[in-house]
């Protein structure tokens, strides 16, 4: 073989940071060793993978073409290393979850999973749908658990479970006294909603098809708890996963609103890179999620 895994690791680190010195620090190498590994990789195949712009190295067309293949190969090598190095077949697992899933489902799933696989190390990253998709696409995560729907050439999306959104308001809001809301009520309200790019916002926009441009979106917030606090304070009404609202409904600090003519159901999904090797750890995680 005319290249080494270390050379590919150096190439990927430089591609990520656009700087040999930073890449070397990440890989615990000297700058000269990292530079030599990159030059040797280019020399062996007679290619230039970067455009040199001062101290900055920017991927050129050949580097871009190599990057996804190198990431897939390194991912498989790391999975093999984890399998060989652990007594159980589950080693380190990098999981991404969107905010609703991460804050209200994934922690419990992770705790049970680690009881079942004591040698496993699960790194949980919680962000919105677009951010999780980007990290799965770049092989920074092994698997993503998302609320939004995606159509990306590099990603495989598969169904996990159903979820339901709920409309809600503060107990003192005039809409709290209404048995059922109609579109006139929805159009008259001030709304506190999630930001664009989140799965919850995507589902909300779809549910409000036909009237969305006319809704008064007073606030767009990134965090579920912030939306709940704003609604409790009487700033408007909200729409979030029912999973996030159960405790508030029990306490009576928030009140559910009925709107049966609007479809508030949605699905949660697994996302994987199509070139990602589906090792035992990822397969075990998916199976555990389905059974939870």
C-alpha atoms as a PDB file:
ATOM      1  CA  UNK A   1       0.000   0.000   0.000  1.00  0.00           C
ATOM      2  CA  UNK A   2       1.448   3.367  -1.055  1.00  0.00           C
ATOM      3  CA  UNK A   3      -0.104   5.440   1.747  1.00  0.00           C
ATOM      4  CA  UNK A   4      -0.558   5.122   5.506  1.00  0.00           C
ATOM      5  CA  UNK A   5      -3.510   5.819   7.764  1.00  0.00           C
ATOM      6  CA  UNK A   6      -1.392   8.409   9.566  1.00  0.00           C
ATOM      7  CA  UNK A   7      -0.883  10.289   6.301  1.00  0.00           C
ATOM      8  CA  UNK A   8      -4.635  10.325   5.773  1.00  0.00           C
ATOM      9  CA  UNK A   9      -5.177  11.520   9.355  1.00  0.00           C
ATOM     10  CA  UNK A  10      -2.765  14.383   8.748  1.00  0.00           C
ATOM     11  CA  UNK A  11      -4.476  15.227   5.457  1.00  0.00           C
ATOM     12  CA  UNK A  12      -7.909  15.333   7.142  1.00  0.00           C
ATOM     13  CA  UNK A  13      -6.685  17.396  10.092  1.00  0.00           C
ATOM     14  CA  UNK A  14      -5.065  19.932   7.764  1.00  0.00           C
ATOM     15  CA  UNK A  15      -8.232  19.997   5.630  1.00  0.00           C
ATOM     16  CA  UNK A  16     -10.268  20.760   8.754  1.00  0.00           C
ATOM     17  CA  UNK A  17      -7.996  23.474  10.187  1.00  0.00           C
ATOM     18  CA  UNK A  18      -6.324  24.760   6.990  1.00  0.00           C
ATOM     19  CA  UNK A  19      -3.099  24.951   8.984  1.00  0.00           C
ATOM     20  CA  UNK A  20      -0.337  22.359   9.476  1.00  0.00           C
ATOM     21  CA  UNK A  21       0.682  23.580  12.925  1.00  0.00           C
ATOM     22  CA  UNK A  22      -2.855  23.308  14.356  1.00  0.00           C
ATOM     23  CA  UNK A  23      -3.322  19.918  12.688  1.00  0.00           C
ATOM     24  CA  UNK A  24      -0.074  18.682  14.226  1.00  0.00           C
ATOM     25  CA  UNK A  25      -1.174  19.785  17.707  1.00  0.00           C
ATOM     26  CA  UNK A  26      -4.473  17.930  17.287  1.00  0.00           C
ATOM     27  CA  UNK A  27      -2.627  14.739  16.316  1.00  0.00           C
ATOM     28  CA  UNK A  28       0.080  15.154  18.994  1.00  0.00           C
ATOM     29  CA  UNK A  29       2.807  15.350  16.320  1.00  0.00           C
ATOM     30  CA  UNK A  30       5.558  17.801  15.610  1.00  0.00           C
ATOM     31  CA  UNK A  31       4.861  20.321  12.865  1.00  0.00           C
ATOM     32  CA  UNK A  32       7.744  18.962  10.778  1.00  0.00           C
ATOM     33  CA  UNK A  33       6.422  15.373  11.049  1.00  0.00           C
ATOM     34  CA  UNK A  34       2.958  16.449   9.973  1.00  0.00           C
ATOM     35  CA  UNK A  35       4.323  18.506   7.105  1.00  0.00           C
ATOM     36  CA  UNK A  36       6.504  15.586   5.968  1.00  0.00           C
ATOM     37  CA  UNK A  37       3.569  13.147   6.084  1.00  0.00           C
ATOM     38  CA  UNK A  38       1.446  15.452   3.922  1.00  0.00           C
ATOM     39  CA  UNK A  39       4.252  16.076   1.428  1.00  0.00           C
ATOM     40  CA  UNK A  40       4.984  12.331   1.192  1.00  0.00           C
ATOM     41  CA  UNK A  41       1.318  11.573   0.468  1.00  0.00           C
ATOM     42  CA  UNK A  42       1.257  14.159  -2.328  1.00  0.00           C
ATOM     43  CA  UNK A  43       4.642  13.030  -3.683  1.00  0.00           C
ATOM     44  CA  UNK A  44       3.720   9.318  -3.773  1.00  0.00           C
ATOM     45  CA  UNK A  45       0.790  10.003  -6.089  1.00  0.00           C
ATOM     46  CA  UNK A  46       2.083  13.071  -7.900  1.00  0.00           C
ATOM     47  CA  UNK A  47      -0.798  15.276  -6.785  1.00  0.00           C
ATOM     48  CA  UNK A  48      -1.356  18.599  -5.044  1.00  0.00           C
ATOM     49  CA  UNK A  49      -4.195  18.412  -2.517  1.00  0.00           C
ATOM     50  CA  UNK A  50      -4.093  22.002  -1.264  1.00  0.00           C
ATOM     51  CA  UNK A  51      -3.663  25.494  -2.634  1.00  0.00           C
ATOM     52  CA  UNK A  52      -1.081  27.307  -0.520  1.00  0.00           C
ATOM     53  CA  UNK A  53      -2.268  30.813   0.425  1.00  0.00           C
ATOM     54  CA  UNK A  54       0.374  32.206   2.779  1.00  0.00           C
ATOM     55  CA  UNK A  55       0.299  30.000   5.882  1.00  0.00           C
ATOM     56  CA  UNK A  56      -3.199  28.823   5.006  1.00  0.00           C
ATOM     57  CA  UNK A  57      -3.777  25.590   3.075  1.00  0.00           C
ATOM     58  CA  UNK A  58      -7.094  25.410   1.213  1.00  0.00           C
ATOM     59  CA  UNK A  59      -8.395  22.187  -0.334  1.00  0.00           C
ATOM     60  CA  UNK A  60      -8.308  22.166  -4.130  1.00  0.00           C
ATOM     61  CA  UNK A  61     -10.495  19.996  -6.389  1.00  0.00           C
ATOM     62  CA  UNK A  62      -8.311  16.899  -5.909  1.00  0.00           C
ATOM     63  CA  UNK A  63      -8.290  17.383  -2.144  1.00  0.00           C
ATOM     64  CA  UNK A  64     -12.066  17.787  -2.030  1.00  0.00           C
ATOM     65  CA  UNK A  65     -12.485  14.571  -4.035  1.00  0.00           C
ATOM     66  CA  UNK A  66     -10.206  12.663  -1.639  1.00  0.00           C
ATOM     67  CA  UNK A  67     -11.656  14.025   1.617  1.00  0.00           C
ATOM     68  CA  UNK A  68     -14.916  12.028   1.866  1.00  0.00           C
ATOM     69  CA  UNK A  69     -13.186   8.778   0.856  1.00  0.00           C
ATOM     70  CA  UNK A  70     -10.410   9.338   3.387  1.00  0.00           C
ATOM     71  CA  UNK A  71     -12.951  10.141   6.125  1.00  0.00           C
ATOM     72  CA  UNK A  72     -14.855   6.932   5.361  1.00  0.00           C
ATOM     73  CA  UNK A  73     -11.657   4.866   5.488  1.00  0.00           C
ATOM     74  CA  UNK A  74     -10.462   6.413   8.765  1.00  0.00           C
ATOM     75  CA  UNK A  75     -13.935   5.907  10.256  1.00  0.00           C
ATOM     76  CA  UNK A  76     -13.793   2.195   9.416  1.00  0.00           C
ATOM     77  CA  UNK A  77     -10.275   1.910  10.821  1.00  0.00           C
ATOM     78  CA  UNK A  78     -11.355   3.594  14.086  1.00  0.00           C
ATOM     79  CA  UNK A  79     -14.341   1.274  14.379  1.00  0.00           C
ATOM     80  CA  UNK A  80     -12.049  -1.718  13.904  1.00  0.00           C
ATOM     81  CA  UNK A  81      -9.645  -0.359  16.521  1.00  0.00           C
ATOM     82  CA  UNK A  82     -12.519   0.105  18.985  1.00  0.00           C
ATOM     83  CA  UNK A  83     -13.728  -3.434  18.389  1.00  0.00           C
ATOM     84  CA  UNK A  84     -10.240  -4.881  18.913  1.00  0.00           C
ATOM     85  CA  UNK A  85      -9.527  -2.757  21.964  1.00  0.00           C
ATOM     86  CA  UNK A  86     -12.712  -3.333  23.939  1.00  0.00           C
ATOM     87  CA  UNK A  87     -13.842  -6.494  25.700  1.00  0.00           C
ATOM     88  CA  UNK A  88     -17.342  -5.718  24.555  1.00  0.00           C
ATOM     89  CA  UNK A  89     -17.697  -4.965  20.872  1.00  0.00           C
ATOM     90  CA  UNK A  90     -18.893  -1.446  21.595  1.00  0.00           C
ATOM     91  CA  UNK A  91     -16.142   1.122  22.038  1.00  0.00           C
ATOM     92  CA  UNK A  92     -16.427   4.881  21.553  1.00  0.00           C
ATOM     93  CA  UNK A  93     -19.629   6.109  19.933  1.00  0.00           C
ATOM     94  CA  UNK A  94     -20.168   9.701  18.791  1.00  0.00           C
ATOM     95  CA  UNK A  95     -23.899  10.451  18.770  1.00  0.00           C
ATOM     96  CA  UNK A  96     -25.608  13.647  17.677  1.00  0.00           C
ATOM     97  CA  UNK A  97     -29.139  14.556  18.745  1.00  0.00           C
ATOM     98  CA  UNK A  98     -31.379  17.504  18.047  1.00  0.00           C
ATOM     99  CA  UNK A  99     -32.503  19.569  21.026  1.00  0.00           C
ATOM    100  CA  UNK A 100     -35.819  17.895  21.838  1.00  0.00           C
ATOM    101  CA  UNK A 101     -34.341  14.416  21.471  1.00  0.00           C
ATOM    102  CA  UNK A 102     -31.088  15.290  23.203  1.00  0.00           C
ATOM    103  CA  UNK A 103     -32.655  16.955  26.229  1.00  0.00           C
ATOM    104  CA  UNK A 104     -35.712  14.749  26.719  1.00  0.00           C
ATOM    105  CA  UNK A 105     -34.913  11.300  25.291  1.00  0.00           C
ATOM    106  CA  UNK A 106     -31.235  10.712  24.556  1.00  0.00           C
ATOM    107  CA  UNK A 107     -29.866  11.040  28.093  1.00  0.00           C
ATOM    108  CA  UNK A 108     -32.113   8.247  29.347  1.00  0.00           C
ATOM    109  CA  UNK A 109     -31.314   6.105  26.316  1.00  0.00           C
ATOM    110  CA  UNK A 110     -27.591   6.701  26.814  1.00  0.00           C
ATOM    111  CA  UNK A 111     -27.756   5.742  30.509  1.00  0.00           C
ATOM    112  CA  UNK A 112     -29.513   2.448  29.752  1.00  0.00           C
ATOM    113  CA  UNK A 113     -27.219   1.739  26.805  1.00  0.00           C
ATOM    114  CA  UNK A 114     -24.096   2.173  28.957  1.00  0.00           C
ATOM    115  CA  UNK A 115     -25.551  -0.141  31.618  1.00  0.00           C
ATOM    116  CA  UNK A 116     -25.968  -2.759  28.906  1.00  0.00           C
ATOM    117  CA  UNK A 117     -22.492  -2.064  27.466  1.00  0.00           C
ATOM    118  CA  UNK A 118     -20.271  -1.066  30.440  1.00  0.00           C
ATOM    119  CA  UNK A 119     -17.150  -0.657  28.301  1.00  0.00           C
ATOM    120  CA  UNK A 120     -18.857   1.730  25.894  1.00  0.00           C
ATOM    121  CA  UNK A 121     -18.064   5.440  25.847  1.00  0.00           C
ATOM    122  CA  UNK A 122     -20.861   7.574  24.373  1.00  0.00           C
ATOM    123  CA  UNK A 123     -20.146  11.174  23.398  1.00  0.00           C
ATOM    124  CA  UNK A 124     -23.470  13.046  22.992  1.00  0.00           C
ATOM    125  CA  UNK A 125     -23.588  16.233  20.916  1.00  0.00           C
ATOM    126  CA  UNK A 126     -26.852  18.242  21.124  1.00  0.00           C
ATOM    127  CA  UNK A 127     -27.573  20.828  18.397  1.00  0.00           C
ATOM    128  CA  UNK A 128     -30.275  21.634  15.856  1.00  0.00           C
ATOM    129  CA  UNK A 129     -31.044  19.475  12.812  1.00  0.00           C
ATOM    130  CA  UNK A 130     -28.889  21.326  10.284  1.00  0.00           C
ATOM    131  CA  UNK A 131     -25.850  21.266  12.592  1.00  0.00           C
ATOM    132  CA  UNK A 132     -26.203  17.544  13.375  1.00  0.00           C
ATOM    133  CA  UNK A 133     -26.586  16.757   9.657  1.00  0.00           C
ATOM    134  CA  UNK A 134     -23.420  18.723   8.853  1.00  0.00           C
ATOM    135  CA  UNK A 135     -21.403  16.828  11.482  1.00  0.00           C
ATOM    136  CA  UNK A 136     -22.653  13.428  10.270  1.00  0.00           C
ATOM    137  CA  UNK A 137     -21.835  14.470   6.710  1.00  0.00           C
ATOM    138  CA  UNK A 138     -18.275  15.407   7.787  1.00  0.00           C
ATOM    139  CA  UNK A 139     -17.817  12.155   9.795  1.00  0.00           C
ATOM    140  CA  UNK A 140     -17.570  14.104  13.052  1.00  0.00           C
ATOM    141  CA  UNK A 141     -20.476  11.994  14.359  1.00  0.00           C
ATOM    142  CA  UNK A 142     -21.191   8.286  13.914  1.00  0.00           C
ATOM    143  CA  UNK A 143     -24.976   8.729  13.913  1.00  0.00           C
ATOM    144  CA  UNK A 144     -27.556  11.468  14.297  1.00  0.00           C
ATOM    145  CA  UNK A 145     -31.006  11.421  15.903  1.00  0.00           C
ATOM    146  CA  UNK A 146     -33.049  14.194  14.333  1.00  0.00           C
ATOM    147  CA  UNK A 147     -36.513  15.743  14.347  1.00  0.00           C
ATOM    148  CA  UNK A 148     -36.409  17.255  10.872  1.00  0.00           C
ATOM    149  CA  UNK A 149     -36.708  15.695   7.444  1.00  0.00           C
ATOM    150  CA  UNK A 150     -33.624  15.695   5.227  1.00  0.00           C
ATOM    151  CA  UNK A 151     -32.855  14.973   1.613  1.00  0.00           C
ATOM    152  CA  UNK A 152     -29.093  14.949   1.166  1.00  0.00           C
ATOM    153  CA  UNK A 153     -27.129  12.845  -1.294  1.00  0.00           C
ATOM    154  CA  UNK A 154     -24.476  11.829   1.272  1.00  0.00           C
ATOM    155  CA  UNK A 155     -26.856  10.920   4.099  1.00  0.00           C
ATOM    156  CA  UNK A 156     -29.086   7.930   4.687  1.00  0.00           C
ATOM    157  CA  UNK A 157     -32.261   8.787   6.608  1.00  0.00           C
ATOM    158  CA  UNK A 158     -34.344   6.062   8.281  1.00  0.00           C
ATOM    159  CA  UNK A 159     -37.472   6.163  10.459  1.00  0.00           C
ATOM    160  CA  UNK A 160     -37.062   5.848  14.227  1.00  0.00           C
ATOM    161  CA  UNK A 161     -40.329   6.762  16.009  1.00  0.00           C
ATOM    162  CA  UNK A 162     -43.360   9.066  15.960  1.00  0.00           C
ATOM    163  CA  UNK A 163     -43.734  12.327  17.847  1.00  0.00           C
ATOM    164  CA  UNK A 164     -46.501  14.879  18.361  1.00  0.00           C
ATOM    165  CA  UNK A 165     -46.297  18.642  18.629  1.00  0.00           C
ATOM    166  CA  UNK A 166     -48.577  20.563  20.980  1.00  0.00           C
ATOM    167  CA  UNK A 167     -49.807  24.150  20.933  1.00  0.00           C
ATOM    168  CA  UNK A 168     -49.777  25.811  24.351  1.00  0.00           C
ATOM    169  CA  UNK A 169     -50.253  29.064  26.205  1.00  0.00           C
ATOM    170  CA  UNK A 170     -50.127  30.491  29.726  1.00  0.00           C
ATOM    171  CA  UNK A 171     -53.146  29.916  31.992  1.00  0.00           C
ATOM    172  CA  UNK A 172     -53.993  33.619  31.797  1.00  0.00           C
ATOM    173  CA  UNK A 173     -54.040  33.814  28.004  1.00  0.00           C
ATOM    174  CA  UNK A 174     -57.559  34.405  26.573  1.00  0.00           C
ATOM    175  CA  UNK A 175     -57.077  31.414  24.253  1.00  0.00           C
ATOM    176  CA  UNK A 176     -56.795  29.103  27.282  1.00  0.00           C
ATOM    177  CA  UNK A 177     -60.562  29.338  27.719  1.00  0.00           C
ATOM    178  CA  UNK A 178     -61.323  28.153  24.187  1.00  0.00           C
ATOM    179  CA  UNK A 179     -62.170  24.478  23.712  1.00  0.00           C
ATOM    180  CA  UNK A 180     -60.886  24.392  20.126  1.00  0.00           C
ATOM    181  CA  UNK A 181     -58.847  26.910  18.139  1.00  0.00           C
ATOM    182  CA  UNK A 182     -59.642  27.833  14.537  1.00  0.00           C
ATOM    183  CA  UNK A 183     -57.436  29.624  12.011  1.00  0.00           C
ATOM    184  CA  UNK A 184     -58.762  33.013  13.122  1.00  0.00           C
ATOM    185  CA  UNK A 185     -57.396  32.298  16.608  1.00  0.00           C
ATOM    186  CA  UNK A 186     -54.041  31.203  15.212  1.00  0.00           C
ATOM    187  CA  UNK A 187     -53.768  34.357  13.100  1.00  0.00           C
ATOM    188  CA  UNK A 188     -54.666  36.640  16.024  1.00  0.00           C
ATOM    189  CA  UNK A 189     -52.000  35.195  18.345  1.00  0.00           C
ATOM    190  CA  UNK A 190     -48.411  36.245  18.966  1.00  0.00           C
ATOM    191  CA  UNK A 191     -46.140  33.218  18.450  1.00  0.00           C
ATOM    192  CA  UNK A 192     -42.938  32.167  20.227  1.00  0.00           C
ATOM    193  CA  UNK A 193     -41.269  29.558  18.000  1.00  0.00           C
ATOM    194  CA  UNK A 194     -38.014  27.692  17.372  1.00  0.00           C
ATOM    195  CA  UNK A 195     -35.435  29.034  14.962  1.00  0.00           C
ATOM    196  CA  UNK A 196     -35.232  28.177  11.246  1.00  0.00           C
ATOM    197  CA  UNK A 197     -33.021  25.087  10.797  1.00  0.00           C
ATOM    198  CA  UNK A 198     -34.561  23.179  13.686  1.00  0.00           C
ATOM    199  CA  UNK A 199     -36.738  20.105  13.176  1.00  0.00           C
ATOM    200  CA  UNK A 200     -39.455  21.549  15.428  1.00  0.00           C
ATOM    201  CA  UNK A 201     -39.629  24.699  13.295  1.00  0.00           C
ATOM    202  CA  UNK A 202     -39.802  22.609  10.142  1.00  0.00           C
ATOM    203  CA  UNK A 203     -42.760  20.641  11.549  1.00  0.00           C
ATOM    204  CA  UNK A 204     -44.468  23.836  12.754  1.00  0.00           C
ATOM    205  CA  UNK A 205     -44.135  25.485   9.347  1.00  0.00           C
ATOM    206  CA  UNK A 206     -45.625  22.414   7.674  1.00  0.00           C
ATOM    207  CA  UNK A 207     -48.508  22.255  10.171  1.00  0.00           C
ATOM    208  CA  UNK A 208     -49.356  25.922   9.500  1.00  0.00           C
ATOM    209  CA  UNK A 209     -49.404  25.506   5.722  1.00  0.00           C
ATOM    210  CA  UNK A 210     -51.649  28.069   4.050  1.00  0.00           C
ATOM    211  CA  UNK A 211     -51.544  30.626   6.863  1.00  0.00           C
ATOM    212  CA  UNK A 212     -47.831  30.643   7.774  1.00  0.00           C
ATOM    213  CA  UNK A 213     -46.944  33.923   5.972  1.00  0.00           C
ATOM    214  CA  UNK A 214     -49.704  35.712   7.905  1.00  0.00           C
ATOM    215  CA  UNK A 215     -48.772  34.455  11.376  1.00  0.00           C
ATOM    216  CA  UNK A 216     -47.244  36.935  13.818  1.00  0.00           C
ATOM    217  CA  UNK A 217     -43.952  35.242  14.777  1.00  0.00           C
ATOM    218  CA  UNK A 218     -43.036  37.522  17.657  1.00  0.00           C
ATOM    219  CA  UNK A 219     -39.935  35.650  18.861  1.00  0.00           C
ATOM    220  CA  UNK A 220     -37.700  32.937  17.423  1.00  0.00           C
ATOM    221  CA  UNK A 221     -35.592  31.202  20.089  1.00  0.00           C
ATOM    222  CA  UNK A 222     -33.043  28.393  19.922  1.00  0.00           C
ATOM    223  CA  UNK A 223     -33.926  26.750  23.223  1.00  0.00           C
ATOM    224  CA  UNK A 224     -37.064  24.894  24.260  1.00  0.00           C
ATOM    225  CA  UNK A 225     -36.905  26.108  27.863  1.00  0.00           C
ATOM    226  CA  UNK A 226     -36.613  29.713  26.692  1.00  0.00           C
ATOM    227  CA  UNK A 227     -39.779  29.340  24.640  1.00  0.00           C
ATOM    228  CA  UNK A 228     -41.639  27.819  27.592  1.00  0.00           C
ATOM    229  CA  UNK A 229     -40.543  30.656  29.897  1.00  0.00           C
ATOM    230  CA  UNK A 230     -41.574  33.287  27.323  1.00  0.00           C
ATOM    231  CA  UNK A 231     -45.021  31.706  26.942  1.00  0.00           C
ATOM    232  CA  UNK A 232     -45.422  31.420  30.740  1.00  0.00           C
ATOM    233  CA  UNK A 233     -44.642  35.151  30.907  1.00  0.00           C
ATOM    234  CA  UNK A 234     -47.584  35.862  28.590  1.00  0.00           C
ATOM    235  CA  UNK A 235     -45.584  36.963  25.540  1.00  0.00           C
ATOM    236  CA  UNK A 236     -47.501  34.671  23.195  1.00  0.00           C
ATOM    237  CA  UNK A 237     -48.349  31.064  22.424  1.00  0.00           C
ATOM    238  CA  UNK A 238     -45.947  28.304  21.405  1.00  0.00           C
ATOM    239  CA  UNK A 239     -45.589  25.009  19.588  1.00  0.00           C
ATOM    240  CA  UNK A 240     -43.185  22.331  20.825  1.00  0.00           C
ATOM    241  CA  UNK A 241     -42.967  18.568  21.132  1.00  0.00           C
ATOM    242  CA  UNK A 242     -45.442  17.231  23.702  1.00  0.00           C
ATOM    243  CA  UNK A 243     -42.441  15.412  25.236  1.00  0.00           C
ATOM    244  CA  UNK A 244     -41.046  18.750  26.387  1.00  0.00           C
ATOM    245  CA  UNK A 245     -44.333  19.975  27.901  1.00  0.00           C
ATOM    246  CA  UNK A 246     -45.633  17.087  30.006  1.00  0.00           C
ATOM    247  CA  UNK A 247     -44.272  18.378  33.329  1.00  0.00           C
ATOM    248  CA  UNK A 248     -45.474  21.934  32.688  1.00  0.00           C
ATOM    249  CA  UNK A 249     -48.952  20.673  31.789  1.00  0.00           C
ATOM    250  CA  UNK A 250     -49.070  18.630  35.018  1.00  0.00           C
ATOM    251  CA  UNK A 251     -48.014  21.662  37.075  1.00  0.00           C
ATOM    252  CA  UNK A 252     -50.505  23.887  35.307  1.00  0.00           C
ATOM    253  CA  UNK A 253     -47.871  26.494  34.431  1.00  0.00           C
ATOM    254  CA  UNK A 254     -48.745  25.943  30.761  1.00  0.00           C
ATOM    255  CA  UNK A 255     -52.038  24.956  29.155  1.00  0.00           C
ATOM    256  CA  UNK A 256     -52.449  22.749  26.059  1.00  0.00           C
ATOM    257  CA  UNK A 257     -54.478  24.174  23.167  1.00  0.00           C
ATOM    258  CA  UNK A 258     -56.605  21.983  20.912  1.00  0.00           C
ATOM    259  CA  UNK A 259     -56.347  22.504  17.168  1.00  0.00           C
ATOM    260  CA  UNK A 260     -57.474  19.228  15.548  1.00  0.00           C
ATOM    261  CA  UNK A 261     -57.742  20.601  11.995  1.00  0.00           C
ATOM    262  CA  UNK A 262     -53.958  21.121  11.909  1.00  0.00           C
ATOM    263  CA  UNK A 263     -51.670  18.070  11.547  1.00  0.00           C
ATOM    264  CA  UNK A 264     -49.216  18.269  14.442  1.00  0.00           C
ATOM    265  CA  UNK A 265     -47.691  14.787  14.078  1.00  0.00           C
ATOM    266  CA  UNK A 266     -44.150  14.203  12.888  1.00  0.00           C
ATOM    267  CA  UNK A 267     -41.403  11.578  12.881  1.00  0.00           C
ATOM    268  CA  UNK A 268     -37.955  11.199  14.422  1.00  0.00           C
ATOM    269  CA  UNK A 269     -35.185   9.787  12.238  1.00  0.00           C
ATOM    270  CA  UNK A 270     -31.741   8.202  12.328  1.00  0.00           C
ATOM    271  CA  UNK A 271     -29.188   9.704   9.948  1.00  0.00           C
ATOM    272  CA  UNK A 272     -25.953   8.048   8.828  1.00  0.00           C
ATOM    273  CA  UNK A 273     -23.364   8.853   6.207  1.00  0.00           C
ATOM    274  CA  UNK A 274     -23.870   6.521   3.262  1.00  0.00           C
ATOM    275  CA  UNK A 275     -20.161   5.653   3.315  1.00  0.00           C
ATOM    276  CA  UNK A 276     -20.096   5.114   7.079  1.00  0.00           C
ATOM    277  CA  UNK A 277     -19.203   1.558   8.113  1.00  0.00           C
ATOM    278  CA  UNK A 278     -22.113   0.295  10.195  1.00  0.00           C
ATOM    279  CA  UNK A 279     -20.175  -1.262  13.068  1.00  0.00           C
ATOM    280  CA  UNK A 280     -21.505  -3.158  16.049  1.00  0.00           C
ATOM    281  CA  UNK A 281     -21.641  -0.018  18.208  1.00  0.00           C
ATOM    282  CA  UNK A 282     -23.876   1.926  15.818  1.00  0.00           C
ATOM    283  CA  UNK A 283     -26.101  -1.079  15.159  1.00  0.00           C
ATOM    284  CA  UNK A 284     -26.468  -1.723  18.901  1.00  0.00           C
ATOM    285  CA  UNK A 285     -27.318   1.923  19.536  1.00  0.00           C
ATOM    286  CA  UNK A 286     -30.007   1.947  16.851  1.00  0.00           C
ATOM    287  CA  UNK A 287     -31.544  -1.255  18.162  1.00  0.00           C
ATOM    288  CA  UNK A 288     -31.534   0.125  21.719  1.00  0.00           C
ATOM    289  CA  UNK A 289     -33.254   3.326  20.574  1.00  0.00           C
ATOM    290  CA  UNK A 290     -35.968   1.370  18.773  1.00  0.00           C
ATOM    291  CA  UNK A 291     -36.665  -0.705  21.886  1.00  0.00           C
ATOM    292  CA  UNK A 292     -36.820   2.260  24.273  1.00  0.00           C
END
